[in-house]
Structures are given as C-alpha cells and as structure tokens.
Amino acid sequence: MPAGKAVPAHHEAGKVKGAVDEIITGSLIGGVQGAVFGAASHFLAKMYWPHYGKLTKQFKLFLQLSCVITGGVYAADKRLIRYEHKLRIDQRNLIAERAAAAEARGEYIDHDGHVRDSSGKVIRK
C-alpha cells in the first residue's frame, strides 16, 4: 500500500469516506463561520477600541486566521463526533435485529458472534 494511504483493517471504505466527507464539510462551514466572526470582531474592535488601530497588520491577520482555524476545527470535530455516534447507533440496531432474527429461529448469538442452537452447539461463525 502506498505511503499515506494506510487505513486500519477494521474500517470499511464507505464509513471512512463518510467520515472524511463530514470532516471536510464541517471544516468549510466552520471556517466560513469563523471568518464572519473574525471580520465582525475586526470591525467592532476598529470602531470601539482605539488601541486596536495601533496593532500591526500581521497581528490583525493572525487574529483573523485564528478565528477561521478555530471555527473550522471545532465544526469538523463536532460533525465527526455526531457521525461516529450515528454509526454506533446503526451498529447497535444491526446487532439487535440479528439477535431478534436468531431468537425467532431458536438460536442465539454469543459474545464472540458465533451463532449457536438451543443446545449450545456452534452452527456458524
């Protein structure tokens, strides 16, 4: 596998792509929100804080970029956590559906994921 393309074996390609999409979307939305907040803060500081005008352009740019980066990182993290929570709920629902189907057939699924009949014999793994 080429460098930079390593993916843990337990991750499905669709789930990884979904996570990447959430990170990119969250970063863009949060970055724009941070830029709006930074611009509004810049103009308010310019109007109401006389010392702000004495700051260097580089420092003002640093403050603006801090707002953009912070907004992007926060929004991306928030969306990724929400996506992971959705995946956990989907996984729990899938396990519950499988358990209910196995119970209807007179089987049960043990903690290792093996399907056993009522006598405890492993039917399939």
Protein backbone atom coordinates (compact mmCIF):
# COMPACT_ATOMS: atom_id res chain seq x y z
CA MET A 1 0.00 0.00 0.00
CA PRO A 2 1.45 3.44 -0.90
CA ALA A 3 2.56 5.78 1.85
CA GLY A 4 -0.23 7.98 3.19
CA LYS A 5 -2.94 5.51 2.15
CA ALA A 6 -2.86 3.25 5.21
CA VAL A 7 -6.30 2.51 6.60
CA PRO A 8 -6.98 0.29 9.62
CA ALA A 9 -8.31 -3.11 8.56
CA HIS A 10 -11.43 -2.80 10.70
CA HIS A 11 -12.64 0.31 8.84
CA GLU A 12 -14.99 -0.10 5.93
CA ALA A 13 -14.28 2.11 2.92
CA GLY A 14 -17.79 3.61 2.98
CA LYS A 15 -17.51 4.58 6.63
CA VAL A 16 -14.09 6.15 6.14
CA LYS A 17 -15.36 8.11 3.13
CA GLY A 18 -18.36 9.27 5.16
CA ALA A 19 -16.07 10.42 7.97
CA VAL A 20 -13.81 12.29 5.55
CA ASP A 21 -16.85 13.96 3.96
CA GLU A 22 -18.06 15.07 7.39
CA ILE A 23 -14.63 16.48 8.27
CA ILE A 24 -14.35 18.43 5.00
CA THR A 25 -17.91 19.76 5.21
CA GLY A 26 -17.51 20.72 8.85
CA SER A 27 -14.19 22.42 8.20
CA LEU A 28 -15.61 24.51 5.38
CA ILE A 29 -18.76 25.52 7.24
CA GLY A 30 -16.88 26.24 10.47
CA GLY A 31 -14.17 28.14 8.61
CA VAL A 32 -16.71 30.42 6.98
CA GLN A 33 -18.46 30.96 10.31
CA GLY A 34 -15.09 31.75 11.92
CA ALA A 35 -14.27 34.19 9.11
CA VAL A 36 -17.57 36.00 9.60
CA PHE A 37 -16.99 36.15 13.35
CA GLY A 38 -13.41 37.36 12.85
CA ALA A 39 -14.46 40.04 10.37
CA ALA A 40 -17.25 41.27 12.65
CA SER A 41 -14.82 41.33 15.58
CA HIS A 42 -12.30 43.25 13.47
CA PHE A 43 -14.77 45.97 12.55
CA LEU A 44 -16.17 46.24 16.07
CA ALA A 45 -12.67 46.47 17.55
CA LYS A 46 -11.75 49.07 14.95
CA MET A 47 -14.76 51.19 15.92
CA TYR A 48 -14.74 50.83 19.71
CA TRP A 49 -11.16 50.05 20.76
CA PRO A 50 -8.67 52.80 19.95
CA HIS A 51 -5.64 50.63 20.73
CA TYR A 52 -6.66 48.12 18.02
CA GLY A 53 -5.62 50.52 15.27
CA LYS A 54 -2.05 50.53 16.63
CA LEU A 55 -1.65 46.77 16.21
CA THR A 56 0.38 45.56 13.25
CA LYS A 57 -1.35 44.16 10.17
CA GLN A 58 0.37 40.84 10.76
CA PHE A 59 -1.11 40.54 14.24
CA LYS A 60 -4.57 41.51 12.99
CA LEU A 61 -4.25 38.84 10.30
CA PHE A 62 -3.16 36.36 12.95
CA LEU A 63 -6.31 37.14 14.96
CA GLN A 64 -8.49 36.72 11.87
CA LEU A 65 -6.89 33.42 10.88
CA SER A 66 -7.20 32.18 14.46
CA CYS A 67 -10.95 32.66 14.21
CA VAL A 68 -11.11 30.84 10.87
CA ILE A 69 -8.98 27.89 12.01
CA THR A 70 -10.71 27.56 15.37
CA GLY A 71 -14.14 27.63 13.73
CA GLY A 72 -13.12 25.02 11.17
CA VAL A 73 -11.57 22.63 13.67
CA TYR A 74 -14.46 22.95 16.12
CA ALA A 75 -17.13 22.38 13.48
CA ALA A 76 -15.26 19.44 11.90
CA ASP A 77 -14.82 17.78 15.29
CA LYS A 78 -18.45 18.32 16.19
CA ARG A 79 -19.67 16.82 12.89
CA LEU A 80 -17.28 13.85 13.18
CA ILE A 81 -18.48 13.08 16.72
CA ARG A 82 -22.09 13.22 15.50
CA TYR A 83 -21.22 10.88 12.57
CA GLU A 84 -19.46 8.38 14.88
CA HIS A 85 -22.47 8.43 17.22
CA LYS A 86 -24.75 7.67 14.26
CA LEU A 87 -22.51 4.74 13.26
CA ARG A 88 -22.64 3.35 16.82
CA ILE A 89 -26.44 3.57 16.86
CA ASP A 90 -26.64 1.85 13.45
CA GLN A 91 -24.32 -0.91 14.70
CA ARG A 92 -26.41 -1.44 17.84
CA ASN A 93 -29.59 -1.63 15.74
CA LEU A 94 -27.98 -4.18 13.40
CA ILE A 95 -26.92 -6.34 16.35
CA ALA A 96 -30.42 -6.13 17.85
CA GLU A 97 -32.02 -7.12 14.52
CA ARG A 98 -29.66 -10.09 14.14
CA ALA A 99 -30.34 -11.19 17.71
CA ALA A 100 -34.11 -10.96 17.19
CA ALA A 101 -33.90 -12.96 13.93
CA ALA A 102 -31.74 -15.62 15.60
CA GLU A 103 -34.13 -15.83 18.55
CA ALA A 104 -37.04 -16.33 16.17
CA ARG A 105 -35.16 -19.30 14.66
CA GLY A 106 -34.42 -20.75 18.12
CA GLU A 107 -30.77 -19.73 18.02
CA TYR A 108 -28.72 -17.26 19.98
CA ILE A 109 -25.56 -15.28 19.29
CA ASP A 110 -22.81 -15.48 21.90
CA HIS A 111 -20.43 -12.66 22.84
CA ASP A 112 -17.91 -13.81 20.18
CA GLY A 113 -20.51 -13.53 17.41
CA HIS A 114 -20.96 -17.31 16.96
CA VAL A 115 -24.49 -18.49 16.24
CA ARG A 116 -25.47 -21.41 18.49
CA ASP A 117 -28.57 -23.57 18.62
CA SER A 118 -30.54 -24.17 21.80
CA SER A 119 -28.18 -26.99 22.84
CA GLY A 120 -25.15 -24.65 22.66
CA LYS A 121 -23.66 -26.18 19.52
CA VAL A 122 -22.00 -23.69 17.16
CA ILE A 123 -23.99 -23.54 13.93
CA ARG A 124 -21.96 -20.86 12.12
CA LYS A 125 -19.34 -18.29 12.91
